[in-house]
Amino acid sequence: MSIPTLVELRPQLLSPGDVFADPNLASGTIELDSDGLPKARSGTFASVFKVTTQQGDVAVRIPKYEDQSRVNRIRVIADYLAAHPVEGVVPVEVQPDGLSLGELSVSIQIMPWIKGRTLLEFVNDIHQDSRALIRLESKCCRLHQRMLAAQIAHGDLQHGNILIPPDGFPKVVDPDDFSVPGLPHDEAPSVGHPSYQHPRRTPHHFGPAIGNFAMRLIVLQLRIVASDSSLWMGCSSRPNPLDRDYLLLSASDLASPEQSPMLGNLLTHKRRRIRDAATRIVRMLELDPVDSPLPTASDPKKPQSRWIEGIPSGAMGPRARRAWMTRNLAANSGEKPS
């Protein structure tokens, strides 16, 4: 018996006491949408519902399909996060038979409900405040360092999985893509959001370093917006930045950097700090997906080098710089530059 579709599932959740085994959830109130049905936030592997209980608001993750190997994997992750708590990493509890739908018992996951905005929403609100962006950059670096120290990595760091609560310190959600000790690292459950992952990443790229590329890409883009807020509105043809699925650089920019107008503009920008950040992104794309350097917070007072990670910064004109990037990226991919 398969898990019902979202259309079939939502009406059954209107009576929490009839479907949830946990007394706390059974006596709770599920959030409804404008149609009077349980409001679902749908992800790749699960749908998330907000339930208000006597102990506070929680997120209930209900899988979209049965997969015992995924359930076992989440159990390992949940146990490790409980034993190694890290500020900024949202814990998860697995309830193996937490949901009863007729004769079907479904394993569900319970997480604290984080009141906050997604990374994209938060950056859109503060994109003209350079100091706030620099603080966020620093906090993202601290979060990543704490995760590394606890041997925790996340293979799908992106704006939808990073929430900014009122205290301003980022929270990482979505347990499916966590990497922790005790898990087999031969294959990832997904390759992550394409606008935040190395274009050559495959499911075989996984393990403790898998989050370095995405977090460093996020940090460098925050640094760029802090240096020139006009780039936030000008990086897309869409008038509303919240309609896009990236910060500054899209999946196509990462997949074909030598043809990216946005990267070309950043690499030849009048401000060296922006050129340097863009150069570091280009350098990451040359490396193996799991070889990205660790993200580090910027120091606005530190003088910028003329060379960034082996790539000249500001020493060449726009045409020469674009030709250099095309030649080197083509050499790295094994293709001949046109």
Protein backbone atom coordinates (compact mmCIF):
# COMPACT_ATOMS: atom_id res chain seq x y z
CA MET A 1 0.00 0.00 0.00
CA SER A 2 1.49 3.32 -1.10
CA ILE A 3 1.39 6.66 0.70
CA PRO A 4 -1.57 8.78 -0.50
CA THR A 5 -0.95 11.71 -2.79
CA LEU A 6 -1.01 15.20 -1.31
CA VAL A 7 -4.54 15.71 -2.63
CA GLU A 8 -5.68 12.53 -0.86
CA LEU A 9 -3.60 13.15 2.27
CA ARG A 10 -4.61 16.65 3.28
CA PRO A 11 -8.31 15.97 4.09
CA GLN A 12 -7.26 13.09 6.36
CA LEU A 13 -5.05 15.44 8.39
CA LEU A 14 -8.01 17.65 9.32
CA SER A 15 -8.56 15.38 12.35
CA PRO A 16 -5.11 15.08 13.99
CA GLY A 17 -6.49 12.89 16.77
CA ASP A 18 -7.50 10.23 14.24
CA VAL A 19 -4.16 9.97 12.42
CA PHE A 20 -1.27 10.91 14.73
CA ALA A 21 0.03 8.39 17.28
CA ASP A 22 1.89 11.02 19.32
CA PRO A 23 -0.55 12.46 21.93
CA ASN A 24 1.08 15.86 21.59
CA LEU A 25 0.35 15.93 17.85
CA ALA A 26 -3.03 14.26 18.22
CA SER A 27 -4.25 17.08 20.46
CA GLY A 28 -2.66 19.77 18.28
CA THR A 29 -4.03 22.10 15.64
CA ILE A 30 -2.77 21.87 12.08
CA GLU A 31 -2.30 25.05 10.05
CA LEU A 32 -4.87 25.50 7.28
CA ASP A 33 -4.69 27.31 3.96
CA SER A 34 -7.28 29.65 2.43
CA ASP A 35 -9.30 26.64 1.24
CA GLY A 36 -9.58 25.25 4.76
CA LEU A 37 -7.22 22.35 4.09
CA PRO A 38 -3.93 21.59 5.87
CA LYS A 39 -1.25 23.87 4.43
CA ALA A 40 1.58 21.86 2.87
CA ARG A 41 5.13 22.96 2.08
CA SER A 42 6.19 20.44 -0.50
CA GLY A 43 9.82 19.37 -0.89
CA THR A 44 11.63 16.76 -2.93
CA PHE A 45 11.10 13.86 -0.56
CA ALA A 46 8.44 15.03 1.90
CA SER A 47 5.59 17.44 2.57
CA VAL A 48 5.82 19.60 5.68
CA PHE A 49 2.87 20.64 7.84
CA LYS A 50 2.85 23.05 10.77
CA VAL A 51 1.14 21.74 13.91
CA THR A 52 0.56 23.89 16.99
CA THR A 53 0.81 21.77 20.14
CA GLN A 54 0.77 22.41 23.88
CA GLN A 55 4.59 22.23 23.75
CA GLY A 56 4.95 24.68 20.87
CA ASP A 57 4.84 24.72 17.10
CA VAL A 58 6.40 21.78 15.26
CA ALA A 59 7.05 20.83 11.65
CA VAL A 60 5.71 17.41 10.67
CA ARG A 61 7.46 15.91 7.64
CA ILE A 62 5.42 13.25 5.84
CA PRO A 63 7.24 11.32 3.10
CA LYS A 64 5.86 11.34 -0.43
CA TYR A 65 6.63 7.68 -0.97
CA GLU A 66 7.70 4.61 0.98
CA ASP A 67 11.46 4.07 1.24
CA GLN A 68 12.70 2.06 4.20
CA SER A 69 16.34 2.79 3.39
CA ARG A 70 15.58 6.52 3.68
CA VAL A 71 13.81 5.97 6.99
CA ASN A 72 16.85 4.09 8.30
CA ARG A 73 19.12 6.85 7.05
CA ILE A 74 17.13 9.58 8.79
CA ARG A 75 17.25 7.57 12.02
CA VAL A 76 21.05 7.58 11.93
CA ILE A 77 21.03 11.33 11.26
CA ALA A 78 18.49 12.00 14.03
CA ASP A 79 20.48 10.00 16.59
CA TYR A 80 23.73 11.76 15.67
CA LEU A 81 22.22 15.26 15.79
CA ALA A 82 20.70 14.49 19.20
CA ALA A 83 24.09 13.34 20.52
CA HIS A 84 26.02 16.22 18.89
CA PRO A 85 23.80 19.33 19.03
CA VAL A 86 25.05 22.33 17.06
CA GLU A 87 23.59 25.81 17.22
CA GLY A 88 22.07 26.43 13.81
CA VAL A 89 21.40 22.77 12.96
CA VAL A 90 17.74 21.94 13.54
CA PRO A 91 17.31 18.51 15.18
CA VAL A 92 14.86 15.89 13.95
CA GLU A 93 12.88 13.15 15.69
CA VAL A 94 11.77 10.03 13.82
CA GLN A 95 8.45 8.42 14.71
CA PRO A 96 8.41 5.06 12.85
CA ASP A 97 4.62 4.56 13.03
CA GLY A 98 3.68 8.14 13.75
CA LEU A 99 0.91 8.45 11.15
CA SER A 100 -1.98 6.04 10.65
CA LEU A 101 -3.93 6.24 7.41
CA GLY A 102 -6.41 3.41 7.56
CA GLU A 103 -4.40 0.19 7.49
CA LEU A 104 -1.23 2.06 6.51
CA SER A 105 1.32 3.17 9.11
CA VAL A 106 3.75 5.85 7.95
CA SER A 107 7.07 6.91 9.48
CA ILE A 108 7.13 10.68 10.03
CA GLN A 109 9.72 13.19 11.19
CA ILE A 110 9.17 15.92 13.77
CA MET A 111 11.24 19.09 13.94
CA PRO A 112 10.91 22.37 15.85
CA TRP A 113 9.07 24.96 13.77
CA ILE A 114 11.51 27.76 12.93
CA LYS A 115 9.92 31.19 12.83
CA GLY A 116 11.91 33.09 10.29
CA ARG A 117 12.51 33.91 6.65
CA THR A 118 14.33 31.95 4.02
CA LEU A 119 17.81 33.14 3.09
CA LEU A 120 16.47 34.61 -0.16
CA GLU A 121 13.73 36.54 1.63
CA PHE A 122 16.10 37.80 4.29
CA VAL A 123 18.74 38.99 1.82
CA ASN A 124 16.04 40.70 -0.21
CA ASP A 125 15.02 42.63 2.91
CA ILE A 126 18.57 43.71 3.83
CA HIS A 127 20.28 43.93 0.41
CA GLN A 128 20.85 47.67 0.83
CA ASP A 129 22.37 47.27 4.31
CA SER A 130 26.01 46.33 3.75
CA ARG A 131 26.75 45.95 7.47
CA ALA A 132 23.85 43.53 7.94
CA LEU A 133 25.06 41.50 4.96
CA ILE A 134 28.59 41.35 6.35
CA ARG A 135 27.21 40.18 9.70
CA LEU A 136 25.19 37.49 7.93
CA GLU A 137 28.29 36.42 6.00
CA SER A 138 30.19 36.03 9.26
CA LYS A 139 27.36 34.08 10.90
CA CYS A 140 27.16 31.68 7.93
CA CYS A 141 30.88 31.04 8.26
CA ARG A 142 30.56 30.40 12.00
CA LEU A 143 27.70 28.00 11.42
CA HIS A 144 29.70 26.08 8.83
CA GLN A 145 32.74 25.90 11.10
CA ARG A 146 30.62 24.51 13.94
CA MET A 147 29.11 21.90 11.64
CA LEU A 148 32.53 20.82 10.43
CA ALA A 149 33.81 20.56 14.00
CA ALA A 150 30.89 18.24 14.80
CA GLN A 151 31.47 16.25 11.57
CA ILE A 152 28.12 17.37 10.20
CA ALA A 153 27.71 18.40 6.57
CA HIS A 154 24.69 19.23 4.42
CA GLY A 155 24.53 18.30 0.74
CA ASP A 156 21.77 20.73 -0.21
CA LEU A 157 22.62 24.09 1.33
CA GLN A 158 20.46 26.63 -0.50
CA HIS A 159 18.12 29.52 0.19
CA GLY A 160 15.13 27.28 0.96
CA ASN A 161 17.02 25.15 3.50
CA ILE A 162 18.58 28.06 5.39
CA LEU A 163 16.19 30.01 7.58
CA ILE A 164 16.96 33.26 9.40
CA PRO A 165 15.02 33.57 12.69
CA PRO A 166 14.56 36.85 14.60
CA ASP A 167 17.90 36.43 16.42
CA GLY A 168 19.66 36.54 13.02
CA PHE A 169 21.66 33.32 13.34
CA PRO A 170 20.99 31.00 10.38
CA LYS A 171 19.30 27.64 10.86
CA VAL A 172 19.80 24.66 8.55
CA VAL A 173 16.77 22.45 7.95
CA ASP A 174 15.87 19.44 5.75
CA PRO A 175 17.50 16.35 7.27
CA ASP A 176 17.45 14.26 4.08
CA ASP A 177 20.75 15.62 2.80
CA PHE A 178 22.78 15.63 6.01
CA SER A 179 26.08 13.75 6.09
CA VAL A 180 27.11 12.44 9.51
CA PRO A 181 29.41 9.68 10.80
CA GLY A 182 27.76 6.28 10.58
CA LEU A 183 26.20 6.88 7.18
CA PRO A 184 27.54 5.21 4.03
CA HIS A 185 29.16 7.94 1.93
CA ASP A 186 29.11 6.05 -1.34
CA GLU A 187 26.12 7.96 -2.73
CA ALA A 188 24.10 11.06 -1.80
CA PRO A 189 20.29 11.03 -1.75
CA SER A 190 20.35 13.99 -4.15
CA VAL A 191 22.83 16.32 -5.85
CA GLY A 192 21.28 19.42 -4.30
CA HIS A 193 19.87 22.62 -5.77
CA PRO A 194 21.65 23.30 -9.11
CA SER A 195 22.04 27.03 -8.36
CA TYR A 196 24.14 26.21 -5.29
CA GLN A 197 26.05 23.09 -6.32
CA HIS A 198 29.10 22.42 -8.45
CA PRO A 199 27.86 21.64 -11.99
CA ARG A 200 30.01 18.49 -12.10
CA ARG A 201 28.66 17.10 -8.85
CA THR A 202 27.20 13.58 -9.01
CA PRO A 203 25.55 11.38 -6.34
CA HIS A 204 28.99 9.90 -5.70
CA HIS A 205 30.21 13.26 -4.40
CA PHE A 206 29.24 13.06 -0.74
CA GLY A 207 30.75 13.07 2.72
CA PRO A 208 32.06 15.56 5.29
CA ALA A 209 33.22 18.17 2.73
CA ILE A 210 30.09 18.18 0.59
CA GLY A 211 28.74 21.45 2.01
CA ASN A 212 31.89 23.51 1.45
CA PHE A 213 31.10 24.56 -2.13
CA ALA A 214 27.54 25.72 -1.47
CA MET A 215 28.31 27.61 1.73
CA ARG A 216 31.33 29.33 0.19
CA LEU A 217 29.25 30.25 -2.86
CA ILE A 218 26.59 31.74 -0.58
CA VAL A 219 29.16 33.68 1.46
CA LEU A 220 30.84 35.11 -1.64
CA GLN A 221 27.52 36.22 -3.10
CA LEU A 222 26.62 37.94 0.17
CA ARG A 223 29.99 39.72 -0.02
CA ILE A 224 29.25 40.87 -3.56
CA VAL A 225 25.82 42.28 -2.68
CA ALA A 226 27.32 44.02 0.38
CA SER A 227 29.77 45.75 -1.96
CA ASP A 228 27.19 46.81 -4.55
CA SER A 229 23.51 46.49 -3.65
CA SER A 230 22.39 47.41 -7.18
CA LEU A 231 23.53 43.97 -8.35
CA TRP A 232 20.74 42.36 -6.31
CA MET A 233 18.00 43.87 -8.45
CA GLY A 234 19.97 43.84 -11.68
CA CYS A 235 21.02 40.19 -11.85
CA SER A 236 17.72 38.97 -13.29
CA SER A 237 15.10 40.06 -15.78
CA ARG A 238 12.44 39.24 -13.19
CA PRO A 239 11.30 42.42 -11.39
CA ASN A 240 10.76 40.57 -8.09
CA PRO A 241 13.92 38.89 -6.73
CA LEU A 242 11.76 36.49 -4.73
CA ASP A 243 10.57 34.93 -7.99
CA ARG A 244 14.03 33.53 -8.77
CA ASP A 245 15.61 30.38 -7.35
CA TYR A 246 19.10 31.75 -6.66
CA LEU A 247 20.86 34.68 -5.01
CA LEU A 248 22.97 36.24 -7.78
CA LEU A 249 24.22 33.33 -9.87
CA SER A 250 21.88 30.81 -11.47
CA ALA A 251 22.52 27.19 -12.37
CA SER A 252 23.30 28.22 -15.96
CA ASP A 253 25.89 30.74 -14.71
CA LEU A 254 27.66 27.97 -12.83
CA ALA A 255 27.35 25.44 -15.65
CA SER A 256 28.72 27.80 -18.32
CA PRO A 257 30.67 30.52 -16.48
CA GLU A 258 32.60 31.57 -19.58
CA GLN A 259 29.28 32.45 -21.25
CA SER A 260 27.68 34.05 -18.18
CA PRO A 261 26.97 37.80 -18.57
CA MET A 262 26.57 38.07 -14.80
CA LEU A 263 29.93 36.50 -14.00
CA GLY A 264 31.53 38.56 -16.75
CA ASN A 265 30.16 41.74 -15.16
CA LEU A 266 31.38 40.70 -11.72
CA LEU A 267 34.86 39.82 -12.97
CA THR A 268 35.26 43.24 -14.56
CA HIS A 269 33.46 45.26 -11.89
CA LYS A 270 35.05 48.55 -10.86
CA ARG A 271 35.29 47.38 -7.24
CA ARG A 272 38.13 45.02 -6.53
CA ARG A 273 36.31 43.27 -3.69
CA ILE A 274 33.62 42.17 -6.15
CA ARG A 275 36.19 41.08 -8.75
CA ASP A 276 37.99 39.09 -6.07
CA ALA A 277 34.81 37.33 -4.91
CA ALA A 278 33.88 36.45 -8.50
CA THR A 279 37.40 35.18 -9.11
CA ARG A 280 37.13 32.87 -6.12
CA ILE A 281 33.88 31.48 -7.54
CA VAL A 282 35.56 30.81 -10.88
CA ARG A 283 38.40 29.08 -9.08
CA MET A 284 35.93 26.83 -7.22
CA LEU A 285 34.39 25.78 -10.53
CA GLU A 286 37.81 24.63 -11.72
CA LEU A 287 38.24 22.32 -8.73
CA ASP A 288 36.65 18.97 -8.00
CA PRO A 289 33.18 19.34 -6.41
CA VAL A 290 34.46 18.21 -2.99
CA ASP A 291 37.72 20.18 -3.08
CA SER A 292 36.31 23.66 -2.50
CA PRO A 293 38.14 25.68 0.18
CA LEU A 294 36.33 26.46 3.39
CA PRO A 295 34.22 29.63 3.49
CA THR A 296 35.81 32.47 5.42
CA ALA A 297 34.38 35.82 6.43
CA SER A 298 35.76 38.88 4.69
CA ASP A 299 37.72 41.65 6.35
CA PRO A 300 36.70 44.97 4.76
CA LYS A 301 39.86 46.62 6.12
CA LYS A 302 42.26 44.06 4.64
CA PRO A 303 43.95 45.14 1.39
CA GLN A 304 43.09 42.98 -1.61
CA SER A 305 45.74 40.98 -3.41
CA ARG A 306 46.38 41.35 -7.13
CA TRP A 307 46.21 37.55 -7.34
CA ILE A 308 43.40 35.47 -5.88
CA GLU A 309 44.01 31.71 -5.65
CA GLY A 310 46.27 31.78 -8.67
CA ILE A 311 43.99 33.98 -10.79
CA PRO A 312 44.89 37.59 -11.58
CA SER A 313 42.55 40.09 -9.94
CA GLY A 314 42.12 43.34 -11.79
CA ALA A 315 45.40 43.06 -13.66
CA MET A 316 43.74 42.37 -17.02
CA GLY A 317 41.15 44.18 -19.06
CA PRO A 318 37.65 42.74 -19.56
CA ARG A 319 38.41 40.96 -22.86
CA ALA A 320 41.69 39.47 -21.67
CA ARG A 321 40.10 38.38 -18.42
CA ARG A 322 37.16 36.67 -20.15
CA ALA A 323 39.56 34.94 -22.57
CA TRP A 324 41.68 33.75 -19.64
CA MET A 325 38.61 32.34 -17.89
CA THR A 326 37.32 30.62 -21.03
CA ARG A 327 40.71 29.06 -21.76
CA ASN A 328 41.25 27.73 -18.25
CA LEU A 329 37.72 26.45 -17.67
CA ALA A 330 37.77 24.73 -21.05
CA ALA A 331 41.11 23.14 -20.24
CA ASN A 332 39.74 21.88 -16.93
CA SER A 333 36.66 20.32 -18.55
CA GLY A 334 38.67 18.71 -21.33
CA GLU A 335 36.99 20.79 -24.04
CA LYS A 336 38.75 22.94 -26.59
CA PRO A 337 38.02 26.65 -26.30
CA SER A 338 36.17 28.02 -29.29
